[in-house]
Amino acid sequence: QYARELWPPDKEGRHTSTFSISTNGMFFDEGVFKKFAE
């Protein structure tokens, strides 16, 4: 969320900060992954 504040969208509305996460799959929280989707 902080990165989105630092790097705002460009003139076409595209995000200039993008994210990925690498996980071993042992943890799942519906609220967390819905936030990831957002």
ModelCIF file with pLDDT and N, C-alpha, C, O atoms, coordinates in Angstrom:
data_MODEL
#
_entry.id   MODEL 
#
_entity.id                         1 
_entity.type                       polymer 
_entity.pdbx_number_of_molecules   1 
#
_entity_poly.entity_id                      1 
_entity_poly.type                           'polypeptide(L)' 
_entity_poly.nstd_linkage                   no 
_entity_poly.nstd_monomer                   no 
_entity_poly.pdbx_seq_one_letter_code       QYARELWPPDKEGRHTSTFSISTNGMFFDEGVFKKFAE 
_entity_poly.pdbx_seq_one_letter_code_can   QYARELWPPDKEGRHTSTFSISTNGMFFDEGVFKKFAE 
_entity_poly.pdbx_strand_id                 A 
#
loop_
_entity_poly_seq.entity_id 
_entity_poly_seq.num 
_entity_poly_seq.mon_id 
_entity_poly_seq.hetero 
1 1  GLN n 
1 2  TYR n 
1 3  ALA n 
1 4  ARG n 
1 5  GLU n 
1 6  LEU n 
1 7  TRP n 
1 8  PRO n 
1 9  PRO n 
1 10 ASP n 
1 11 LYS n 
1 12 GLU n 
1 13 GLY n 
1 14 ARG n 
1 15 HIS n 
1 16 THR n 
1 17 SER n 
1 18 THR n 
1 19 PHE n 
1 20 SER n 
1 21 ILE n 
1 22 SER n 
1 23 THR n 
1 24 ASN n 
1 25 GLY n 
1 26 MET n 
1 27 PHE n 
1 28 PHE n 
1 29 ASP n 
1 30 GLU n 
1 31 GLY n 
1 32 VAL n 
1 33 PHE n 
1 34 LYS n 
1 35 LYS n 
1 36 PHE n 
1 37 ALA n 
1 38 GLU n 
#
_struct_asym.id          A 
_struct_asym.entity_id   1 
#
loop_
_ma_qa_metric.id 
_ma_qa_metric.mode 
_ma_qa_metric.name 
_ma_qa_metric.software_group_id 
_ma_qa_metric.type 
1 global pLDDT . pLDDT 
2 local  pLDDT . pLDDT 
#
_ma_qa_metric_global.metric_id      1 
_ma_qa_metric_global.metric_value   94.84 
_ma_qa_metric_global.model_id       1 
_ma_qa_metric_global.ordinal_id     1 
#
loop_
_ma_qa_metric_local.label_asym_id 
_ma_qa_metric_local.label_comp_id 
_ma_qa_metric_local.label_seq_id 
_ma_qa_metric_local.metric_id 
_ma_qa_metric_local.metric_value 
_ma_qa_metric_local.model_id 
_ma_qa_metric_local.ordinal_id 
A GLN 1  2 97.00 1 1  
A TYR 2  2 97.00 1 2  
A ALA 3  2 97.00 1 3  
A ARG 4  2 96.00 1 4  
A GLU 5  2 96.00 1 5  
A LEU 6  2 96.00 1 6  
A TRP 7  2 95.00 1 7  
A PRO 8  2 92.00 1 8  
A PRO 9  2 90.00 1 9  
A ASP 10 2 90.00 1 10 
A LYS 11 2 88.00 1 11 
A GLU 12 2 89.00 1 12 
A GLY 13 2 89.00 1 13 
A ARG 14 2 90.00 1 14 
A HIS 15 2 92.00 1 15 
A THR 16 2 92.00 1 16 
A SER 17 2 94.00 1 17 
A THR 18 2 95.00 1 18 
A PHE 19 2 97.00 1 19 
A SER 20 2 97.00 1 20 
A ILE 21 2 97.00 1 21 
A SER 22 2 95.00 1 22 
A THR 23 2 96.00 1 23 
A ASN 24 2 95.00 1 24 
A GLY 25 2 95.00 1 25 
A MET 26 2 96.00 1 26 
A PHE 27 2 96.00 1 27 
A PHE 28 2 96.00 1 28 
A ASP 29 2 97.00 1 29 
A GLU 30 2 97.00 1 30 
A GLY 31 2 97.00 1 31 
A VAL 32 2 97.00 1 32 
A PHE 33 2 97.00 1 33 
A LYS 34 2 97.00 1 34 
A LYS 35 2 97.00 1 35 
A PHE 36 2 97.00 1 36 
A ALA 37 2 97.00 1 37 
A GLU 38 2 96.00 1 38 
#
loop_
_atom_site.group_PDB 
_atom_site.id 
_atom_site.type_symbol 
_atom_site.label_atom_id 
_atom_site.label_alt_id 
_atom_site.label_comp_id 
_atom_site.label_asym_id 
_atom_site.label_entity_id 
_atom_site.label_seq_id 
_atom_site.pdbx_PDB_ins_code 
_atom_site.Cartn_x 
_atom_site.Cartn_y 
_atom_site.Cartn_z 
_atom_site.occupancy 
_atom_site.B_iso_or_equiv 
_atom_site.pdbx_formal_charge 
_atom_site.auth_seq_id 
_atom_site.auth_comp_id 
_atom_site.auth_asym_id 
_atom_site.auth_atom_id 
_atom_site.pdbx_PDB_model_num 
ATOM 1   N N  . GLN A 1 1  ? 0.832  -1.210  0.000   1.00 97.00 ? 1  GLN A N  1 
ATOM 2   C CA . GLN A 1 1  ? 0.000  0.000   0.000   1.00 97.00 ? 1  GLN A CA 1 
ATOM 3   C C  . GLN A 1 1  ? 0.867  1.261   0.000   1.00 97.00 ? 1  GLN A C  1 
ATOM 4   O O  . GLN A 1 1  ? 0.551  2.242   -0.673  1.00 97.00 ? 1  GLN A O  1 
ATOM 5   N N  . TYR A 1 2  ? 1.952  1.223   0.755   1.00 97.00 ? 2  TYR A N  1 
ATOM 6   C CA . TYR A 1 2  ? 2.862  2.372   0.804   1.00 97.00 ? 2  TYR A CA 1 
ATOM 7   C C  . TYR A 1 2  ? 3.536  2.587   -0.552  1.00 97.00 ? 2  TYR A C  1 
ATOM 8   O O  . TYR A 1 2  ? 3.723  3.722   -0.990  1.00 97.00 ? 2  TYR A O  1 
ATOM 9   N N  . ALA A 1 3  ? 3.898  1.480   -1.212  1.00 97.00 ? 3  ALA A N  1 
ATOM 10  C CA . ALA A 1 3  ? 4.526  1.587   -2.536  1.00 97.00 ? 3  ALA A CA 1 
ATOM 11  C C  . ALA A 1 3  ? 3.578  2.244   -3.533  1.00 97.00 ? 3  ALA A C  1 
ATOM 12  O O  . ALA A 1 3  ? 4.013  3.006   -4.397  1.00 97.00 ? 3  ALA A O  1 
ATOM 13  N N  . ARG A 1 4  ? 2.289  1.952   -3.415  1.00 96.00 ? 4  ARG A N  1 
ATOM 14  C CA . ARG A 1 4  ? 1.310  2.577   -4.303  1.00 96.00 ? 4  ARG A CA 1 
ATOM 15  C C  . ARG A 1 4  ? 1.253  4.089   -4.087  1.00 96.00 ? 4  ARG A C  1 
ATOM 16  O O  . ARG A 1 4  ? 0.997  4.849   -5.021  1.00 96.00 ? 4  ARG A O  1 
ATOM 17  N N  . GLU A 1 5  ? 1.493  4.511   -2.860  1.00 96.00 ? 5  GLU A N  1 
ATOM 18  C CA . GLU A 1 5  ? 1.535  5.954   -2.580  1.00 96.00 ? 5  GLU A CA 1 
ATOM 19  C C  . GLU A 1 5  ? 2.798  6.580   -3.177  1.00 96.00 ? 5  GLU A C  1 
ATOM 20  O O  . GLU A 1 5  ? 2.761  7.690   -3.707  1.00 96.00 ? 5  GLU A O  1 
ATOM 21  N N  . LEU A 1 6  ? 3.912  5.855   -3.083  1.00 96.00 ? 6  LEU A N  1 
ATOM 22  C CA . LEU A 1 6  ? 5.182  6.378   -3.590  1.00 96.00 ? 6  LEU A CA 1 
ATOM 23  C C  . LEU A 1 6  ? 5.201  6.467   -5.114  1.00 96.00 ? 6  LEU A C  1 
ATOM 24  O O  . LEU A 1 6  ? 5.686  7.443   -5.686  1.00 96.00 ? 6  LEU A O  1 
ATOM 25  N N  . TRP A 1 7  ? 4.659  5.418   -5.771  1.00 95.00 ? 7  TRP A N  1 
ATOM 26  C CA . TRP A 1 7  ? 4.644  5.377   -7.232  1.00 95.00 ? 7  TRP A CA 1 
ATOM 27  C C  . TRP A 1 7  ? 3.185  5.439   -7.710  1.00 95.00 ? 7  TRP A C  1 
ATOM 28  O O  . TRP A 1 7  ? 2.555  4.395   -7.879  1.00 95.00 ? 7  TRP A O  1 
ATOM 29  N N  . PRO A 1 8  ? 2.648  6.624   -7.927  1.00 92.00 ? 8  PRO A N  1 
ATOM 30  C CA . PRO A 1 8  ? 1.258  6.747   -8.353  1.00 92.00 ? 8  PRO A CA 1 
ATOM 31  C C  . PRO A 1 8  ? 1.060  6.244   -9.782  1.00 92.00 ? 8  PRO A C  1 
ATOM 32  O O  . PRO A 1 8  ? 2.039  6.080   -10.511 1.00 92.00 ? 8  PRO A O  1 
ATOM 33  N N  . PRO A 1 9  ? -0.188 5.996   -10.199 1.00 90.00 ? 9  PRO A N  1 
ATOM 34  C CA . PRO A 1 9  ? -0.449 5.548   -11.574 1.00 90.00 ? 9  PRO A CA 1 
ATOM 35  C C  . PRO A 1 9  ? 0.032  6.571   -12.603 1.00 90.00 ? 9  PRO A C  1 
ATOM 36  O O  . PRO A 1 9  ? 0.133  7.761   -12.303 1.00 90.00 ? 9  PRO A O  1 
ATOM 37  N N  . ASP A 1 10 ? 0.329  6.101   -13.816 1.00 90.00 ? 10 ASP A N  1 
ATOM 38  C CA . ASP A 1 10 ? 0.756  7.007   -14.876 1.00 90.00 ? 10 ASP A CA 1 
ATOM 39  C C  . ASP A 1 10 ? -0.453 7.709   -15.496 1.00 90.00 ? 10 ASP A C  1 
ATOM 40  O O  . ASP A 1 10 ? -1.572 7.565   -15.004 1.00 90.00 ? 10 ASP A O  1 
ATOM 41  N N  . LYS A 1 11 ? -0.236 8.461   -16.566 1.00 88.00 ? 11 LYS A N  1 
ATOM 42  C CA . LYS A 1 11 ? -1.307 9.249   -17.173 1.00 88.00 ? 11 LYS A CA 1 
ATOM 43  C C  . LYS A 1 11 ? -2.440 8.383   -17.711 1.00 88.00 ? 11 LYS A C  1 
ATOM 44  O O  . LYS A 1 11 ? -3.589 8.821   -17.774 1.00 88.00 ? 11 LYS A O  1 
ATOM 45  N N  . GLU A 1 12 ? -2.111 7.148   -18.100 1.00 89.00 ? 12 GLU A N  1 
ATOM 46  C CA . GLU A 1 12 ? -3.139 6.223   -18.608 1.00 89.00 ? 12 GLU A CA 1 
ATOM 47  C C  . GLU A 1 12 ? -3.805 5.433   -17.488 1.00 89.00 ? 12 GLU A C  1 
ATOM 48  O O  . GLU A 1 12 ? -4.653 4.579   -17.746 1.00 89.00 ? 12 GLU A O  1 
ATOM 49  N N  . GLY A 1 13 ? -3.416 5.720   -16.232 1.00 89.00 ? 13 GLY A N  1 
ATOM 50  C CA . GLY A 1 13 ? -4.020 5.033   -15.098 1.00 89.00 ? 13 GLY A CA 1 
ATOM 51  C C  . GLY A 1 13 ? -3.395 3.693   -14.777 1.00 89.00 ? 13 GLY A C  1 
ATOM 52  O O  . GLY A 1 13 ? -3.923 2.949   -13.950 1.00 89.00 ? 13 GLY A O  1 
ATOM 53  N N  . ARG A 1 14 ? -2.267 3.366   -15.420 1.00 90.00 ? 14 ARG A N  1 
ATOM 54  C CA . ARG A 1 14 ? -1.601 2.092   -15.154 1.00 90.00 ? 14 ARG A CA 1 
ATOM 55  C C  . ARG A 1 14 ? -0.690 2.211   -13.937 1.00 90.00 ? 14 ARG A C  1 
ATOM 56  O O  . ARG A 1 14 ? -0.020 3.223   -13.736 1.00 90.00 ? 14 ARG A O  1 
ATOM 57  N N  . HIS A 1 15 ? -0.682 1.151   -13.133 1.00 92.00 ? 15 HIS A N  1 
ATOM 58  C CA . HIS A 1 15 ? 0.158  1.155   -11.927 1.00 92.00 ? 15 HIS A CA 1 
ATOM 59  C C  . HIS A 1 15 ? 1.632  1.163   -12.307 1.00 92.00 ? 15 HIS A C  1 
ATOM 60  O O  . HIS A 1 15 ? 2.057  0.423   -13.195 1.00 92.00 ? 15 HIS A O  1 
ATOM 61  N N  . THR A 1 16 ? 2.402  1.997   -11.636 1.00 92.00 ? 16 THR A N  1 
ATOM 62  C CA . THR A 1 16 ? 3.854  2.032   -11.860 1.00 92.00 ? 16 THR A CA 1 
ATOM 63  C C  . THR A 1 16 ? 4.592  1.230   -10.790 1.00 92.00 ? 16 THR A C  1 
ATOM 64  O O  . THR A 1 16 ? 5.804  1.033   -10.879 1.00 92.00 ? 16 THR A O  1 
ATOM 65  N N  . SER A 1 17 ? 3.859  0.770   -9.783  1.00 94.00 ? 17 SER A N  1 
ATOM 66  C CA . SER A 1 17 ? 4.424  -0.195  -8.834  1.00 94.00 ? 17 SER A CA 1 
ATOM 67  C C  . SER A 1 17 ? 3.598  -1.472  -8.949  1.00 94.00 ? 17 SER A C  1 
ATOM 68  O O  . SER A 1 17 ? 2.371  -1.437  -8.847  1.00 94.00 ? 17 SER A O  1 
ATOM 69  N N  . THR A 1 18 ? 4.272  -2.593  -9.159  1.00 95.00 ? 18 THR A N  1 
ATOM 70  C CA . THR A 1 18 ? 3.586  -3.877  -9.276  1.00 95.00 ? 18 THR A CA 1 
ATOM 71  C C  . THR A 1 18 ? 4.194  -4.861  -8.287  1.00 95.00 ? 18 THR A C  1 
ATOM 72  O O  . THR A 1 18 ? 5.349  -4.722  -7.886  1.00 95.00 ? 18 THR A O  1 
ATOM 73  N N  . PHE A 1 19 ? 3.404  -5.855  -7.898  1.00 97.00 ? 19 PHE A N  1 
ATOM 74  C CA . PHE A 1 19 ? 3.809  -6.718  -6.788  1.00 97.00 ? 19 PHE A CA 1 
ATOM 75  C C  . PHE A 1 19 ? 3.640  -8.198  -7.120  1.00 97.00 ? 19 PHE A C  1 
ATOM 76  O O  . PHE A 1 19 ? 2.772  -8.594  -7.898  1.00 97.00 ? 19 PHE A O  1 
ATOM 77  N N  . SER A 1 20 ? 4.499  -8.993  -6.504  1.00 97.00 ? 20 SER A N  1 
ATOM 78  C CA . SER A 1 20 ? 4.341  -10.444 -6.527  1.00 97.00 ? 20 SER A CA 1 
ATOM 79  C C  . SER A 1 20 ? 4.843  -10.992 -5.201  1.00 97.00 ? 20 SER A C  1 
ATOM 80  O O  . SER A 1 20 ? 5.573  -10.318 -4.474  1.00 97.00 ? 20 SER A O  1 
ATOM 81  N N  . ILE A 1 21 ? 4.453  -12.197 -4.900  1.00 97.00 ? 21 ILE A N  1 
ATOM 82  C CA . ILE A 1 21 ? 4.891  -12.833 -3.654  1.00 97.00 ? 21 ILE A CA 1 
ATOM 83  C C  . ILE A 1 21 ? 5.161  -14.306 -3.927  1.00 97.00 ? 21 ILE A C  1 
ATOM 84  O O  . ILE A 1 21 ? 4.426  -14.960 -4.666  1.00 97.00 ? 21 ILE A O  1 
ATOM 85  N N  . SER A 1 22 ? 6.224  -14.813 -3.320  1.00 95.00 ? 22 SER A N  1 
ATOM 86  C CA . SER A 1 22 ? 6.594  -16.216 -3.462  1.00 95.00 ? 22 SER A CA 1 
ATOM 87  C C  . SER A 1 22 ? 6.404  -16.897 -2.111  1.00 95.00 ? 22 SER A C  1 
ATOM 88  O O  . SER A 1 22 ? 7.006  -16.488 -1.119  1.00 95.00 ? 22 SER A O  1 
ATOM 89  N N  . THR A 1 23 ? 5.566  -17.940 -2.071  1.00 96.00 ? 23 THR A N  1 
ATOM 90  C CA . THR A 1 23 ? 5.206  -18.573 -0.808  1.00 96.00 ? 23 THR A CA 1 
ATOM 91  C C  . THR A 1 23 ? 5.251  -20.094 -0.931  1.00 96.00 ? 23 THR A C  1 
ATOM 92  O O  . THR A 1 23 ? 5.139  -20.638 -2.030  1.00 96.00 ? 23 THR A O  1 
ATOM 93  N N  . ASN A 1 24 ? 5.416  -20.772 0.197   1.00 95.00 ? 24 ASN A N  1 
ATOM 94  C CA . ASN A 1 24 ? 5.447  -22.235 0.181   1.00 95.00 ? 24 ASN A CA 1 
ATOM 95  C C  . ASN A 1 24 ? 4.058  -22.855 0.264   1.00 95.00 ? 24 ASN A C  1 
ATOM 96  O O  . ASN A 1 24 ? 3.929  -24.079 0.233   1.00 95.00 ? 24 ASN A O  1 
ATOM 97  N N  . GLY A 1 25 ? 3.017  -22.032 0.369   1.00 95.00 ? 25 GLY A N  1 
ATOM 98  C CA . GLY A 1 25 ? 1.657  -22.543 0.326   1.00 95.00 ? 25 GLY A CA 1 
ATOM 99  C C  . GLY A 1 25 ? 1.102  -23.050 1.644   1.00 95.00 ? 25 GLY A C  1 
ATOM 100 O O  . GLY A 1 25 ? -0.015 -23.566 1.683   1.00 95.00 ? 25 GLY A O  1 
ATOM 101 N N  . MET A 1 26 ? 1.855  -22.916 2.718   1.00 96.00 ? 26 MET A N  1 
ATOM 102 C CA . MET A 1 26 ? 1.402  -23.436 4.006   1.00 96.00 ? 26 MET A CA 1 
ATOM 103 C C  . MET A 1 26 ? 0.406  -22.516 4.713   1.00 96.00 ? 26 MET A C  1 
ATOM 104 O O  . MET A 1 26 ? -0.260 -22.931 5.662   1.00 96.00 ? 26 MET A O  1 
ATOM 105 N N  . PHE A 1 27 ? 0.303  -21.268 4.253   1.00 96.00 ? 27 PHE A N  1 
ATOM 106 C CA . PHE A 1 27 ? -0.566 -20.320 4.931   1.00 96.00 ? 27 PHE A CA 1 
ATOM 107 C C  . PHE A 1 27 ? -1.649 -19.809 3.984   1.00 96.00 ? 27 PHE A C  1 
ATOM 108 O O  . PHE A 1 27 ? -1.374 -19.461 2.835   1.00 96.00 ? 27 PHE A O  1 
ATOM 109 N N  . PHE A 1 28 ? -2.874 -19.771 4.481   1.00 96.00 ? 28 PHE A N  1 
ATOM 110 C CA . PHE A 1 28 ? -3.962 -19.168 3.713   1.00 96.00 ? 28 PHE A CA 1 
ATOM 111 C C  . PHE A 1 28 ? -4.895 -18.438 4.661   1.00 96.00 ? 28 PHE A C  1 
ATOM 112 O O  . PHE A 1 28 ? -5.377 -19.004 5.642   1.00 96.00 ? 28 PHE A O  1 
ATOM 113 N N  . ASP A 1 29 ? -5.138 -17.188 4.357   1.00 97.00 ? 29 ASP A N  1 
ATOM 114 C CA . ASP A 1 29 ? -6.123 -16.386 5.066   1.00 97.00 ? 29 ASP A CA 1 
ATOM 115 C C  . ASP A 1 29 ? -6.952 -15.674 3.995   1.00 97.00 ? 29 ASP A C  1 
ATOM 116 O O  . ASP A 1 29 ? -6.406 -14.917 3.191   1.00 97.00 ? 29 ASP A O  1 
ATOM 117 N N  . GLU A 1 30 ? -8.237 -15.906 3.980   1.00 97.00 ? 30 GLU A N  1 
ATOM 118 C CA . GLU A 1 30 ? -9.085 -15.371 2.915   1.00 97.00 ? 30 GLU A CA 1 
ATOM 119 C C  . GLU A 1 30 ? -8.971 -13.854 2.806   1.00 97.00 ? 30 GLU A C  1 
ATOM 120 O O  . GLU A 1 30 ? -8.873 -13.311 1.706   1.00 97.00 ? 30 GLU A O  1 
ATOM 121 N N  . GLY A 1 31 ? -8.985 -13.173 3.949   1.00 97.00 ? 31 GLY A N  1 
ATOM 122 C CA . GLY A 1 31 ? -8.898 -11.719 3.946   1.00 97.00 ? 31 GLY A CA 1 
ATOM 123 C C  . GLY A 1 31 ? -7.592 -11.221 3.357   1.00 97.00 ? 31 GLY A C  1 
ATOM 124 O O  . GLY A 1 31 ? -7.568 -10.229 2.627   1.00 97.00 ? 31 GLY A O  1 
ATOM 125 N N  . VAL A 1 32 ? -6.506 -11.913 3.676   1.00 97.00 ? 32 VAL A N  1 
ATOM 126 C CA . VAL A 1 32 ? -5.187 -11.528 3.166   1.00 97.00 ? 32 VAL A CA 1 
ATOM 127 C C  . VAL A 1 32 ? -5.150 -11.671 1.648   1.00 97.00 ? 32 VAL A C  1 
ATOM 128 O O  . VAL A 1 32 ? -4.698 -10.763 0.950   1.00 97.00 ? 32 VAL A O  1 
ATOM 129 N N  . PHE A 1 33 ? -5.619 -12.798 1.138   1.00 97.00 ? 33 PHE A N  1 
ATOM 130 C CA . PHE A 1 33 ? -5.538 -13.024 -0.307  1.00 97.00 ? 33 PHE A CA 1 
ATOM 131 C C  . PHE A 1 33 ? -6.537 -12.159 -1.076  1.00 97.00 ? 33 PHE A C  1 
ATOM 132 O O  . PHE A 1 33 ? -6.290 -11.821 -2.234  1.00 97.00 ? 33 PHE A O  1 
ATOM 133 N N  . LYS A 1 34 ? -7.631 -11.804 -0.469  1.00 97.00 ? 34 LYS A N  1 
ATOM 134 C CA . LYS A 1 34 ? -8.537 -10.856 -1.123  1.00 97.00 ? 34 LYS A CA 1 
ATOM 135 C C  . LYS A 1 34 ? -7.867 -9.483  -1.229  1.00 97.00 ? 34 LYS A C  1 
ATOM 136 O O  . LYS A 1 34 ? -8.033 -8.770  -2.218  1.00 97.00 ? 34 LYS A O  1 
ATOM 137 N N  . LYS A 1 35 ? -7.110 -9.132  -0.193  1.00 97.00 ? 35 LYS A N  1 
ATOM 138 C CA . LYS A 1 35 ? -6.363 -7.871  -0.240  1.00 97.00 ? 35 LYS A CA 1 
ATOM 139 C C  . LYS A 1 35 ? -5.286 -7.937  -1.321  1.00 97.00 ? 35 LYS A C  1 
ATOM 140 O O  . LYS A 1 35 ? -5.054 -6.961  -2.035  1.00 97.00 ? 35 LYS A O  1 
ATOM 141 N N  . PHE A 1 36 ? -4.631 -9.093  -1.436  1.00 97.00 ? 36 PHE A N  1 
ATOM 142 C CA . PHE A 1 36 ? -3.646 -9.281  -2.495  1.00 97.00 ? 36 PHE A CA 1 
ATOM 143 C C  . PHE A 1 36 ? -4.299 -9.079  -3.867  1.00 97.00 ? 36 PHE A C  1 
ATOM 144 O O  . PHE A 1 36 ? -3.727 -8.444  -4.752  1.00 97.00 ? 36 PHE A O  1 
ATOM 145 N N  . ALA A 1 37 ? -5.493 -9.625  -4.021  1.00 97.00 ? 37 ALA A N  1 
ATOM 146 C CA . ALA A 1 37 ? -6.206 -9.492  -5.295  1.00 97.00 ? 37 ALA A CA 1 
ATOM 147 C C  . ALA A 1 37 ? -6.507 -8.021  -5.587  1.00 97.00 ? 37 ALA A C  1 
ATOM 148 O O  . ALA A 1 37 ? -6.371 -7.575  -6.727  1.00 97.00 ? 37 ALA A O  1 
ATOM 149 N N  . GLU A 1 38 ? -6.913 -7.270  -4.568  1.00 96.00 ? 38 GLU A N  1 
ATOM 150 C CA . GLU A 1 38 ? -7.188 -5.833  -4.741  1.00 96.00 ? 38 GLU A CA 1 
ATOM 151 C C  . GLU A 1 38 ? -5.927 -5.085  -5.181  1.00 96.00 ? 38 GLU A C  1 
ATOM 152 O O  . GLU A 1 38 ? -5.967 -3.870  -5.375  1.00 96.00 ? 38 GLU A O  1 
#
